[in-house]
Structure formats: structure tokens, C-alpha cells
Amino acid sequence: MVVDLLFIVKSSLAQIYNVDSSGGECRYINKWLRKNESYNCCNEYGITCENNHITKIQIENTDLSGPIPPEIGKLTFLTDIWLDHNQLTGSIPPEIGDITSLRDLSFGANQLTGSIPPEIGKLPNLEKLNLYSNQFSGSIPPEIGKLPNLYYLDLHNNTLSGSIPSELKDLSKLSYLSLDNNELSGEIPPEIGELTALETLNLSENKLTGSIPSELGNLKKLQELDLENNNLDVGSIPSEVEGLPNLVKFKYSHQNGSSSTVIIIVIVAVVLFLIAAAGAFVFYKKRNNGNKNDLISNNNNNNNTVQRNTSIEILERRNVPEIKIEGDSNPDKSQIELKHQIEQQEQQLQQQQIQLQQMKQQLDHLEDKPSSSSNELKHSVISKEQEVQEERQRQQQFPNPSFSADINSSYSYNNSTIDYTTPSAPVIYVDVPPNYEEVMNETKNTYN
């Protein structure tokens, strides 16, 4: 009780008067801590001093940077050094092996490079070694197997290469081993099966080959086993491993996890190729059908054009006004009906001419014998003459008549539309024969 009281008083006085309570050990790290050489580092947050010695350095998640000073090896009473999540650079000095009292060494999540110094194997009291998430390269030093009290080893997320040293089998107290996300190669050493205290084993994300050793079935306390993303042949998992009593998490991939992946990729590629080929075939067939349809359509259009031209030629031969057909949905039917109507008009004109000839003969016969019948004939001739004059006026009003049949089955005559469903014969205007005019003049002269 008196000793503890004296220690508290001594520490308080040292802080008040800035007396180095580390027995002069602060000078080894003050420069690294960016302090004056005479600074009492025991006042620094994260540094613990006991009995005039630095015993713990726990500086995490700060801006501590630069290389680890080799003088750290002179802190022989140091038991814990935690420098995780800083910006440390350079390599671990080999003098680290001089801190024989060290129990917890943690340099995780920094920017340390180089190889892991084999001098770490000189730390007989070391229980935890955390060197994860740095840039360490080279192989895992087999000297690590000389740490009889080590129960926690985390070297994941570095660029360590080479094989897993079989010397790790001597870590009889090891319960946690994480070597994942490195470039380790070779086979899993069967000696790993001698780590009977092991509860977590993570060897994923490496380049390990071979099969899973059945000796892993000796790890009766194993709870988590992760072998994913390697080149292991795990086509047949040893029954000893499958039968581990405490195993609750087992992750692996087939060796040819890559091979099965390649097979899947090939199958997908073949399916995509077949789909693309089928699509191309359908497109080609549709295109050919489209070309055939276009060809048939062009032939039909050509045939329609020939038929229309033929109809126009027939009309021209008969001295009938030009008829223009635009987009008729059934041109053959329209042409036949128009032809029929034209023939009817011609017959009507012929009948009118015959009637005029007959009337002329009757007038000639009755020229010297006027009577009531002649008066009636005169009246009929005059009526006929008026009718002919009206037709002439209509012809003069529409000097260039033209007809058109549209797709809606209707005729348009100079902007006047006539329904095609009940067609009336188109009126064809022709000049009145000259002999009729002479007859009419003579008749007028006679009765006047």
C-alpha cells in the first residue's frame, strides 16, 4: 500500500515538473513522436510507463507516420505495442526481436513494406501478431513456428508468396490463423492438422493447389474453414473434414472452380450464339419475304400500269376524253365499268344521229306539204335543237372534261364528285355533225 502511494506521488511530481518518468527511455522515441528530446513521453496519450520503464505504446488511428525507429528495440520492458491504422512506412526493424517481454505486436493497416523479419521468432512471450493490410512481401518466415505462446496470427491482405511453412505446426496454442488474400502457393501442409487448438483457419484468395489434406479432420475445435478462390481440387472433400464436430462455416470452391466457371461461361456463350443465330435467321427470312413481297407488289403495279395504259390507248382510239385513274383499289373492275359506260354513250350518240337522219328525211318529204303533223315535227325538231344547244353550252362550259376514279370508288368531274356506287354513264361530248346544222337552217328558213 505504501509502495503504491509512493509510485503515485512520484508520477505526479514527474508530470508536474516534467521529469522523465521512463528512466530515460523516452529519448528513444521522442523524435519519432515529434517531441523534444527531453520530453516526458509518459505524459503522451497512449504511452504507459511503469517503474521508470515504457511498458505499453498504444497509438492507433492517428497521423503517426514515418518508419519505425530501430531504437524501439531498447524498450526491453515493452509488453504491448499497438500501432494499427496509422501511416507507418518502411520495414519492421530487426531490433524488434530484442523486446523479449513483448506479448502483443500489432502493426495492422499501415503502409509497411519489405519482408517479415525472422527476428520475430525471438519473442518467446509473444501471444498476438497482427501484420494485416500492409505491403509485406516474400515468404512467411518459418521462425514464427518458434513462438510457443502465440495464439493469434493475422497476416491477411499482403503480398506474401511461397508456401505455407510446415513449422507452423509447433504453434500448439494457436487458435486463429488468417493467411487469406495473399499470393501463397503450393499445397496445404498436412502438418496444419497438428494445430489442435485451432478454431479459425482462413486460407482463401491465394494460389494454393492440390487436395484438401484429410489431416484437417484432426482439428476438432475448428469452427470456421475458408478455402475459397484457390486452385484446390475439392471435387471430393475428405469425410474427416466434413465430419468435424464444431465446424459451422465451411467455404470452398472447386479447383477448377475455375474450370466449372469456364464451363458455365462456355455454355452461356453457346446459348447466346444460338440466340443470335436464330435472330439472324429470322431477320434474313423476313428480309427475303419482304423482298419477295416488294417484287410481287412491283409486278402487280407494273401489270396495273400496263392495264391502265392499255385502257387509255383504247379510249384514245375511240376519240374519248382522257380518263385518269388514281389509286383505284380494283382497277380491272373500274376499267370494265368505264368501258361499258363509254359503249353505252356511243350507242346513244349513234341512236341520236339515226333519229336526226330520220327527221331530216321527214322534213324533206313534207317540205312542200305543211300540215299539223309537220307543225308537230317542227316542234319536236325545235325541242331537239334546244337540247343539242344545251349540250353544246355545257360542252363549252367544260371544254376539257376529264374523269378520275379514286380509291374511294367515286368519280370527280372538274371538282364535282359523283358517287361511284350508283354510277351514271359519263357524258361524252362530241361535235354535232355538219349535216344536222344544214337541216336546221333549212327548217328555220322554211317556217319563217
Protein backbone atom coordinates (compact mmCIF):
# COMPACT_ATOMS: atom_id res chain seq x y z
CA MET A 1 0.00 0.00 0.00
CA VAL A 2 2.83 2.38 0.91
CA VAL A 3 4.69 1.41 -2.28
CA ASP A 4 1.66 2.20 -4.45
CA LEU A 5 1.23 5.54 -2.73
CA LEU A 6 4.87 6.42 -3.31
CA PHE A 7 4.54 5.49 -7.02
CA ILE A 8 1.51 7.73 -7.45
CA VAL A 9 3.27 10.63 -5.72
CA LYS A 10 6.38 10.10 -7.79
CA SER A 11 4.41 10.01 -11.05
CA SER A 12 2.50 13.13 -10.11
CA LEU A 13 5.68 15.02 -9.32
CA ALA A 14 7.22 13.84 -12.58
CA GLN A 15 4.26 15.18 -14.53
CA ILE A 16 4.28 18.48 -12.64
CA TYR A 17 7.97 19.10 -13.12
CA ASN A 18 8.15 17.31 -16.50
CA VAL A 19 10.63 14.84 -15.11
CA ASP A 20 11.24 11.80 -17.35
CA SER A 21 9.50 9.02 -15.51
CA SER A 22 10.61 6.41 -18.09
CA GLY A 23 14.14 6.24 -16.78
CA GLY A 24 15.43 7.93 -19.91
CA GLU A 25 13.67 5.59 -22.37
CA CYS A 26 11.61 8.45 -23.85
CA ARG A 27 14.64 9.69 -25.73
CA TYR A 28 14.44 6.60 -27.95
CA ILE A 29 11.02 7.51 -29.34
CA ASN A 30 10.60 11.28 -28.78
CA LYS A 31 11.89 12.08 -32.22
CA TRP A 32 9.52 9.54 -33.70
CA LEU A 33 6.68 11.13 -31.72
CA ARG A 34 7.82 14.56 -32.96
CA LYS A 35 8.66 15.76 -29.46
CA ASN A 36 11.69 17.41 -27.91
CA GLU A 37 14.42 15.09 -26.79
CA SER A 38 13.80 15.98 -23.13
CA TYR A 39 10.04 15.49 -23.39
CA ASN A 40 8.49 13.17 -20.84
CA CYS A 41 6.71 10.77 -23.26
CA CYS A 42 4.92 9.16 -20.34
CA ASN A 43 2.58 12.17 -20.46
CA GLU A 44 1.67 11.29 -24.06
CA TYR A 45 -1.72 9.73 -24.61
CA GLY A 46 -1.36 6.04 -25.39
CA ILE A 47 2.01 5.57 -23.70
CA THR A 48 2.13 3.77 -20.40
CA CYS A 49 5.14 3.93 -18.11
CA GLU A 50 5.63 1.72 -15.06
CA ASN A 51 8.61 1.54 -12.70
CA ASN A 52 10.58 4.02 -14.83
CA HIS A 53 10.08 1.98 -17.97
CA ILE A 54 7.83 2.25 -21.00
CA THR A 55 5.58 -0.79 -20.91
CA LYS A 56 2.88 -0.02 -23.50
CA ILE A 57 2.63 2.01 -26.70
CA GLN A 58 -0.99 2.08 -27.85
CA ILE A 59 -1.25 4.77 -30.52
CA GLU A 60 -3.96 3.82 -33.03
CA ASN A 61 -5.95 5.76 -35.63
CA THR A 62 -3.71 8.84 -35.54
CA ASP A 63 -1.42 10.51 -38.03
CA LEU A 64 1.67 8.73 -36.73
CA SER A 65 3.89 8.33 -39.78
CA GLY A 66 7.38 7.58 -40.89
CA PRO A 67 9.48 4.47 -40.29
CA ILE A 68 9.59 2.60 -37.02
CA PRO A 69 12.88 3.66 -35.32
CA PRO A 70 15.31 0.82 -34.66
CA GLU A 71 15.81 2.27 -31.17
CA ILE A 72 12.48 0.71 -30.28
CA GLY A 73 14.47 -2.44 -29.63
CA LYS A 74 15.89 -0.79 -26.49
CA LEU A 75 12.46 -0.72 -24.82
CA THR A 76 13.07 -4.11 -23.29
CA PHE A 77 10.23 -3.77 -20.79
CA LEU A 78 7.67 -3.14 -23.51
CA THR A 79 4.83 -5.68 -23.41
CA ASP A 80 2.29 -4.20 -25.86
CA ILE A 81 2.77 -2.17 -28.98
CA TRP A 82 -0.35 -1.26 -30.95
CA LEU A 83 0.17 1.00 -33.93
CA ASP A 84 -2.78 -0.04 -36.12
CA HIS A 85 -4.40 2.28 -38.66
CA ASN A 86 -1.61 4.81 -38.99
CA GLN A 87 0.69 5.83 -41.82
CA LEU A 88 3.83 3.95 -40.90
CA THR A 89 6.21 3.26 -43.75
CA GLY A 90 9.41 1.34 -44.28
CA SER A 91 10.08 -2.09 -42.83
CA ILE A 92 9.98 -3.58 -39.37
CA PRO A 93 13.46 -3.16 -37.90
CA PRO A 94 15.13 -6.45 -36.92
CA GLU A 95 15.77 -4.94 -33.49
CA ILE A 96 12.17 -5.81 -32.73
CA GLY A 97 13.49 -9.23 -31.73
CA ASP A 98 15.27 -7.67 -28.73
CA ILE A 99 12.00 -6.85 -26.96
CA THR A 100 11.77 -10.25 -25.32
CA SER A 101 8.99 -9.16 -22.97
CA LEU A 102 6.66 -8.33 -25.90
CA ARG A 103 3.29 -10.08 -25.77
CA ASP A 104 1.19 -8.16 -28.30
CA LEU A 105 2.65 -6.83 -31.56
CA SER A 106 0.14 -5.13 -33.87
CA PHE A 107 1.16 -3.08 -36.93
CA GLY A 108 -2.00 -3.68 -38.98
CA ALA A 109 -3.42 -1.32 -41.62
CA ASN A 110 -0.29 0.69 -42.34
CA GLN A 111 1.99 1.04 -45.33
CA LEU A 112 4.85 -1.15 -44.15
CA THR A 113 6.89 -2.89 -46.81
CA GLY A 114 9.67 -5.42 -47.07
CA SER A 115 9.66 -8.88 -45.58
CA ILE A 116 8.60 -10.02 -42.15
CA PRO A 117 11.81 -10.12 -40.12
CA PRO A 118 12.69 -13.63 -38.89
CA GLU A 119 13.83 -11.98 -35.62
CA ILE A 120 10.20 -12.06 -34.57
CA GLY A 121 10.85 -15.69 -33.77
CA LYS A 122 12.99 -14.50 -30.82
CA LEU A 123 9.95 -13.28 -28.89
CA PRO A 124 9.12 -16.22 -26.64
CA ASN A 125 6.32 -14.38 -24.84
CA LEU A 126 4.53 -13.16 -27.97
CA GLU A 127 0.84 -14.07 -27.93
CA LYS A 128 -0.65 -11.93 -30.75
CA LEU A 129 0.94 -10.98 -34.05
CA ASN A 130 -1.08 -8.62 -36.26
CA LEU A 131 0.55 -7.57 -39.53
CA TYR A 132 -2.58 -7.48 -41.73
CA SER A 133 -3.29 -4.98 -44.54
CA ASN A 134 0.24 -3.85 -45.31
CA GLN A 135 2.52 -4.41 -48.25
CA PHE A 136 4.73 -7.17 -46.86
CA SER A 137 6.24 -9.44 -49.47
CA GLY A 138 8.41 -12.51 -49.53
CA SER A 139 7.68 -15.72 -47.70
CA ILE A 140 6.36 -16.35 -44.22
CA PRO A 141 9.43 -16.84 -42.02
CA PRO A 142 9.44 -20.36 -40.56
CA GLU A 143 10.85 -18.82 -37.36
CA ILE A 144 7.30 -17.85 -36.47
CA GLY A 145 6.88 -21.50 -35.55
CA LYS A 146 9.19 -20.85 -32.58
CA LEU A 147 6.60 -18.78 -30.73
CA PRO A 148 5.17 -21.31 -28.28
CA ASN A 149 2.71 -18.85 -26.69
CA LEU A 150 1.30 -17.44 -29.94
CA TYR A 151 -2.46 -17.97 -30.16
CA TYR A 152 -3.41 -15.27 -32.72
CA LEU A 153 -1.69 -14.83 -36.12
CA ASP A 154 -3.14 -12.50 -38.75
CA LEU A 155 -1.13 -11.86 -41.92
CA HIS A 156 -4.01 -11.37 -44.37
CA ASN A 157 -4.16 -8.80 -47.18
CA ASN A 158 -0.47 -8.58 -48.05
CA THR A 159 1.57 -9.87 -50.97
CA LEU A 160 3.23 -12.78 -49.21
CA SER A 161 4.30 -15.58 -51.53
CA GLY A 162 5.80 -19.03 -51.38
CA SER A 163 4.40 -21.97 -49.48
CA ILE A 164 2.88 -22.16 -46.03
CA PRO A 165 5.72 -23.21 -43.72
CA SER A 166 5.15 -26.57 -42.09
CA GLU A 167 6.90 -25.20 -38.98
CA LEU A 168 3.63 -23.57 -38.02
CA LYS A 169 2.65 -26.98 -36.61
CA ASP A 170 4.63 -26.12 -33.47
CA LEU A 171 2.24 -23.32 -32.54
CA SER A 172 0.38 -25.57 -30.17
CA LYS A 173 -1.69 -22.72 -28.68
CA LEU A 174 -2.69 -21.17 -32.00
CA SER A 175 -6.46 -20.71 -32.24
CA TYR A 176 -6.71 -18.12 -35.03
CA LEU A 177 -4.79 -18.30 -38.33
CA SER A 178 -5.58 -15.92 -41.20
CA LEU A 179 -3.37 -16.01 -44.29
CA ASP A 180 -6.01 -15.06 -46.81
CA ASN A 181 -5.69 -12.60 -49.68
CA ASN A 182 -2.03 -13.18 -50.40
CA GLU A 183 -0.14 -14.98 -53.15
CA LEU A 184 0.70 -18.16 -51.30
CA SER A 185 1.17 -21.23 -53.49
CA GLY A 186 1.80 -24.94 -53.18
CA GLU A 187 -0.23 -27.43 -51.21
CA ILE A 188 -1.77 -27.05 -47.79
CA PRO A 189 0.76 -28.72 -45.49
CA PRO A 190 -0.82 -31.70 -43.72
CA GLU A 191 1.07 -30.58 -40.59
CA ILE A 192 -1.63 -27.94 -40.16
CA GLY A 193 -3.69 -30.81 -38.78
CA GLU A 194 -1.49 -30.77 -35.67
CA LEU A 195 -2.80 -27.37 -34.61
CA THR A 196 -5.39 -28.97 -32.38
CA ALA A 197 -6.30 -25.69 -30.66
CA LEU A 198 -7.24 -24.05 -33.97
CA GLU A 199 -10.76 -22.60 -34.19
CA THR A 200 -10.49 -20.39 -37.32
CA LEU A 201 -8.48 -21.19 -40.46
CA ASN A 202 -8.71 -18.83 -43.44
CA LEU A 203 -6.58 -19.63 -46.49
CA SER A 204 -8.85 -18.09 -49.14
CA GLU A 205 -7.82 -15.81 -52.02
CA ASN A 206 -4.45 -17.47 -52.68
CA LYS A 207 -2.92 -19.75 -55.29
CA LEU A 208 -2.94 -22.97 -53.31
CA THR A 209 -3.12 -26.24 -55.24
CA GLY A 210 -3.61 -29.91 -54.56
CA SER A 211 -6.31 -31.52 -52.48
CA ILE A 212 -7.61 -30.81 -49.01
CA PRO A 213 -5.49 -32.87 -46.61
CA SER A 214 -7.50 -35.34 -44.57
CA GLU A 215 -5.34 -34.38 -41.58
CA LEU A 216 -7.51 -31.29 -41.19
CA GLY A 217 -10.04 -33.71 -39.74
CA ASN A 218 -7.92 -33.66 -36.54
CA LEU A 219 -8.92 -30.06 -35.86
CA LYS A 220 -11.78 -30.97 -33.55
CA LYS A 221 -12.16 -27.40 -32.28
CA LEU A 222 -12.31 -25.88 -35.77
CA GLN A 223 -15.40 -23.71 -36.27
CA GLU A 224 -14.58 -21.78 -39.47
CA LEU A 225 -12.74 -23.08 -42.54
CA ASP A 226 -12.41 -20.88 -45.61
CA LEU A 227 -10.63 -22.23 -48.70
CA GLU A 228 -12.39 -20.18 -51.37
CA ASN A 229 -10.78 -18.85 -54.54
CA ASN A 230 -7.77 -21.13 -54.77
CA ASN A 231 -6.81 -23.79 -57.27
CA LEU A 232 -7.59 -26.62 -54.89
CA ASP A 233 -9.02 -29.90 -56.07
CA VAL A 234 -12.02 -30.22 -53.81
CA GLY A 235 -14.04 -32.46 -56.06
CA SER A 236 -14.16 -34.92 -53.18
CA ILE A 237 -13.94 -33.32 -49.74
CA PRO A 238 -12.40 -35.69 -47.19
CA SER A 239 -15.02 -37.23 -44.96
CA GLU A 240 -12.81 -36.37 -41.96
CA VAL A 241 -13.22 -32.69 -42.76
CA GLU A 242 -16.96 -32.96 -43.37
CA GLY A 243 -17.35 -34.73 -40.05
CA LEU A 244 -15.69 -32.05 -37.90
CA PRO A 245 -17.98 -31.73 -34.87
CA ASN A 246 -17.73 -27.95 -34.32
CA LEU A 247 -17.49 -26.79 -37.92
CA VAL A 248 -20.21 -24.21 -38.55
CA LYS A 249 -18.74 -22.32 -41.50
CA PHE A 250 -17.05 -24.05 -44.42
CA LYS A 251 -16.34 -22.16 -47.65
CA TYR A 252 -14.58 -23.62 -50.66
CA SER A 253 -14.60 -23.57 -54.45
CA HIS A 254 -13.85 -26.28 -56.98
CA GLN A 255 -10.44 -26.38 -58.47
CA ASN A 256 -11.16 -25.98 -61.23
CA GLY A 257 -13.56 -23.64 -59.55
CA SER A 258 -12.01 -22.04 -62.47
CA SER A 259 -12.89 -24.98 -64.67
CA SER A 260 -16.51 -25.04 -63.67
CA THR A 261 -16.63 -21.31 -64.19
CA VAL A 262 -15.14 -21.77 -67.66
CA ILE A 263 -17.73 -24.46 -68.44
CA ILE A 264 -20.53 -22.14 -67.36
CA ILE A 265 -19.09 -19.32 -69.45
CA VAL A 266 -18.82 -21.63 -72.48
CA ILE A 267 -22.43 -22.79 -72.05
CA VAL A 268 -23.65 -19.21 -71.75
CA ALA A 269 -21.61 -18.23 -74.81
CA VAL A 270 -23.09 -21.12 -76.83
CA VAL A 271 -26.62 -20.19 -75.78
CA LEU A 272 -26.03 -16.56 -76.72
CA PHE A 273 -24.58 -17.66 -80.06
CA LEU A 274 -27.63 -19.82 -80.79
CA ILE A 275 -29.95 -16.97 -79.88
CA ALA A 276 -28.01 -14.59 -82.11
CA ALA A 277 -28.03 -17.14 -84.95
CA ALA A 278 -31.78 -17.66 -84.59
CA GLY A 279 -32.34 -13.92 -84.60
CA ALA A 280 -30.19 -13.53 -87.71
CA PHE A 281 -32.09 -16.35 -89.46
CA VAL A 282 -35.46 -14.79 -88.63
CA PHE A 283 -34.23 -11.39 -89.82
CA TYR A 284 -32.88 -12.92 -93.06
CA LYS A 285 -36.14 -14.77 -93.69
CA LYS A 286 -38.23 -11.66 -93.05
CA ARG A 287 -35.97 -9.66 -95.33
CA ASN A 288 -36.32 -12.23 -98.13
CA ASN A 289 -40.09 -12.32 -97.67
CA GLY A 290 -40.10 -8.55 -97.75
CA ASN A 291 -38.10 -8.56 -100.98
CA LYS A 292 -40.48 -11.13 -102.47
CA ASN A 293 -43.46 -9.07 -101.42
CA ASP A 294 -41.86 -5.98 -102.89
CA LEU A 295 -41.19 -7.87 -106.12
CA ILE A 296 -44.78 -9.13 -106.25
CA SER A 297 -46.04 -5.65 -105.46
CA ASN A 298 -43.85 -4.17 -108.18
CA ASN A 299 -45.11 -6.77 -110.64
CA ASN A 300 -48.70 -6.01 -109.70
CA ASN A 301 -48.01 -2.31 -110.06
CA ASN A 302 -46.41 -2.93 -113.44
CA ASN A 303 -49.39 -5.05 -114.51
CA ASN A 304 -51.78 -2.37 -113.29
CA THR A 305 -49.77 0.24 -115.16
CA VAL A 306 -49.91 -1.85 -118.33
CA GLN A 307 -53.64 -2.34 -117.92
CA ARG A 308 -54.20 1.38 -117.33
CA ASN A 309 -52.05 2.28 -120.31
CA THR A 310 -53.99 -0.20 -122.42
CA SER A 311 -57.29 1.31 -121.27
CA ILE A 312 -56.05 4.78 -122.08
CA GLU A 313 -54.95 3.64 -125.52
CA ILE A 314 -58.40 2.14 -126.14
CA LEU A 315 -60.06 5.37 -125.08
CA GLU A 316 -57.78 7.42 -127.31
CA ARG A 317 -58.60 5.18 -130.28
CA ARG A 318 -62.29 5.80 -129.70
CA ASN A 319 -61.74 9.54 -129.55
CA VAL A 320 -62.96 9.65 -125.94
CA PRO A 321 -61.68 12.23 -123.44
CA GLU A 322 -58.77 11.00 -121.31
CA ILE A 323 -59.73 9.26 -118.09
CA LYS A 324 -57.15 9.36 -115.30
CA ILE A 325 -57.26 6.59 -112.70
CA GLU A 326 -55.62 7.30 -109.36
CA GLY A 327 -55.13 4.58 -106.80
CA ASP A 328 -58.20 2.50 -107.62
CA SER A 329 -58.45 -0.41 -105.21
CA ASN A 330 -59.89 -2.59 -108.05
CA PRO A 331 -58.64 -1.14 -111.35
CA ASP A 332 -59.85 -4.01 -113.53
CA LYS A 333 -63.43 -3.60 -112.35
CA SER A 334 -63.35 0.18 -112.79
CA GLN A 335 -61.98 -0.09 -116.29
CA ILE A 336 -64.62 -2.63 -117.31
CA GLU A 337 -67.41 -0.43 -115.97
CA LEU A 338 -65.96 2.66 -117.65
CA LYS A 339 -65.66 0.77 -120.90
CA HIS A 340 -69.25 -0.34 -120.61
CA GLN A 341 -70.40 3.21 -119.92
CA ILE A 342 -68.42 4.52 -122.88
CA GLU A 343 -70.04 1.93 -125.15
CA GLN A 344 -73.46 2.97 -123.88
CA GLN A 345 -72.70 6.61 -124.69
CA GLU A 346 -71.55 5.66 -128.18
CA GLN A 347 -74.76 3.74 -128.74
CA GLN A 348 -76.81 6.71 -127.54
CA LEU A 349 -74.94 9.02 -129.91
CA GLN A 350 -75.49 6.65 -132.80
CA GLN A 351 -79.20 6.46 -131.99
CA GLN A 352 -79.39 10.28 -131.87
CA GLN A 353 -77.69 10.51 -135.26
CA ILE A 354 -80.13 7.96 -136.68
CA GLN A 355 -83.07 9.92 -135.27
CA LEU A 356 -81.71 13.11 -136.83
CA GLN A 357 -81.37 11.42 -140.18
CA GLN A 358 -84.93 10.17 -139.99
CA MET A 359 -86.23 13.60 -139.02
CA LYS A 360 -84.32 15.15 -141.91
CA GLN A 361 -85.92 12.73 -144.33
CA GLN A 362 -89.37 13.51 -142.97
CA LEU A 363 -88.72 17.23 -143.32
CA ASP A 364 -87.59 16.76 -146.87
CA HIS A 365 -90.73 14.81 -147.59
CA LEU A 366 -93.03 17.35 -146.01
CA GLU A 367 -91.22 20.41 -147.27
CA ASP A 368 -93.93 21.26 -149.83
CA LYS A 369 -96.84 19.93 -147.71
CA PRO A 370 -97.21 21.78 -144.44
CA SER A 371 -99.78 20.35 -142.12
CA SER A 372 -100.48 19.86 -138.48
CA SER A 373 -98.15 16.84 -138.42
CA SER A 374 -95.45 18.99 -139.89
CA ASN A 375 -96.02 21.51 -137.14
CA GLU A 376 -95.62 18.80 -134.57
CA LEU A 377 -92.47 17.65 -136.29
CA LYS A 378 -91.24 21.20 -136.31
CA HIS A 379 -91.93 21.49 -132.63
CA SER A 380 -90.04 18.29 -131.95
CA VAL A 381 -87.13 19.43 -134.12
CA ILE A 382 -87.02 22.74 -132.27
CA SER A 383 -87.03 20.88 -128.95
CA LYS A 384 -84.27 18.66 -130.19
CA GLU A 385 -82.37 21.69 -131.33
CA GLN A 386 -82.67 23.26 -127.88
CA GLU A 387 -81.47 20.09 -126.30
CA VAL A 388 -78.47 19.99 -128.60
CA GLN A 389 -77.72 23.65 -127.87
CA GLU A 390 -77.87 23.00 -124.15
CA GLU A 391 -75.43 20.18 -124.59
CA ARG A 392 -73.18 22.49 -126.62
CA GLN A 393 -73.28 25.08 -123.85
CA ARG A 394 -72.36 22.52 -121.33
CA GLN A 395 -69.53 21.40 -123.53
CA GLN A 396 -68.31 24.99 -123.86
CA GLN A 397 -68.55 25.41 -120.09
CA PHE A 398 -66.30 22.36 -119.66
CA PRO A 399 -64.07 22.42 -122.69
CA ASN A 400 -61.59 19.81 -121.43
CA PRO A 401 -63.57 17.34 -119.42
CA SER A 402 -61.67 14.65 -117.57
CA PHE A 403 -62.72 11.96 -115.23
CA SER A 404 -60.83 10.38 -112.37
CA ALA A 405 -61.64 7.36 -110.23
CA ASP A 406 -60.17 7.50 -106.78
CA ILE A 407 -59.62 4.74 -104.25
CA ASN A 408 -62.94 5.56 -102.56
CA SER A 409 -64.79 4.41 -105.73
CA SER A 410 -66.10 7.82 -106.79
CA TYR A 411 -65.67 9.98 -109.86
CA SER A 412 -64.63 13.60 -109.79
CA TYR A 413 -65.58 15.78 -112.72
CA ASN A 414 -63.83 19.16 -112.52
CA ASN A 415 -64.02 19.27 -108.71
CA SER A 416 -67.56 17.79 -108.73
CA THR A 417 -67.81 14.35 -107.12
CA ILE A 418 -70.23 11.66 -108.36
CA ASP A 419 -70.75 8.58 -106.20
CA TYR A 420 -69.36 5.50 -107.91
CA THR A 421 -71.74 3.11 -106.20
CA THR A 422 -74.61 4.28 -108.46
CA PRO A 423 -72.66 5.41 -111.47
CA SER A 424 -74.31 7.26 -114.25
CA ALA A 425 -72.83 6.93 -117.65
CA PRO A 426 -70.22 9.63 -118.13
CA VAL A 427 -71.39 12.19 -120.67
CA ILE A 428 -69.16 12.16 -123.70
CA TYR A 429 -69.37 15.39 -125.71
CA VAL A 430 -68.86 15.24 -129.42
CA ASP A 431 -69.34 17.79 -132.14
CA VAL A 432 -72.77 17.73 -133.86
CA PRO A 433 -72.50 16.54 -137.47
CA PRO A 434 -72.45 19.39 -140.02
CA ASN A 435 -75.37 17.98 -141.99
CA TYR A 436 -77.60 18.44 -138.96
CA GLU A 437 -76.83 22.17 -138.89
CA GLU A 438 -77.75 22.50 -142.53
CA VAL A 439 -81.07 20.72 -141.91
CA MET A 440 -81.88 23.02 -139.04
CA ASN A 441 -81.09 26.13 -141.06
CA GLU A 442 -83.27 24.96 -143.88
CA THR A 443 -86.10 24.19 -141.47
CA LYS A 444 -85.90 27.65 -139.95
CA ASN A 445 -85.98 29.27 -143.34
CA THR A 446 -88.98 27.21 -144.35
CA TYR A 447 -91.16 28.05 -141.37
CA ASN A 448 -90.13 31.59 -141.06
